[in-house]
């Protein structure tokens, strides 16, 4: 099974300069920061479970920009009500990626229920026109290519290994800096 970092590195290979990337609280933000810090990345500090709501609003507000939500299984499971709303609003420019390690890694590695239920099935049942699960670098690349060919919203669940990761940098920007630099990127492209 691939690591979360390998998944994030593969996803960022597909991120264009104009894309807005929202990163879930905790390890996902930290690893995305370590892989490719850029002003068009928003690192969620706290507020677990709310990233998809933020992504929905941003995608609707900025229909000419691709919005990529890098979510975690725990975060998605906390905010399940947003999934059918997101599918119902159907922003064509939204790519919702869930990095599923079947655990709440940032709070101590407690298991989530995604080992016994399919988050991709939940995405499909919620009404996403495209909902798939992948578990390899090639699977991620194929899903990303497919997201360019057909309008979204797209829901991609990437199964990643659960385990301790050493030397993950902390996001060194303050919450105000994260907000301000991201806001300037949204306004510059809007």
Foldseek 3Di string as FASTA:
>chain_A
DAALLLLLLLVVVLDDPLAAEEFAAAPRLLSNCVNDDDLSYFYDHDPQQCQLVVQLVLLVVQLPHAYEYEAEPRSCVVNVVVLLVSLVVWRQRYEYEYAYQQAPQRVPGHGHCCVPDPVLVSNVVSRWPAGEEEEDSVVSVVQSVVSVVGTGDYYYYYYHHDDDDPDRDDPPDDNVSSVVSNVVSSVVND
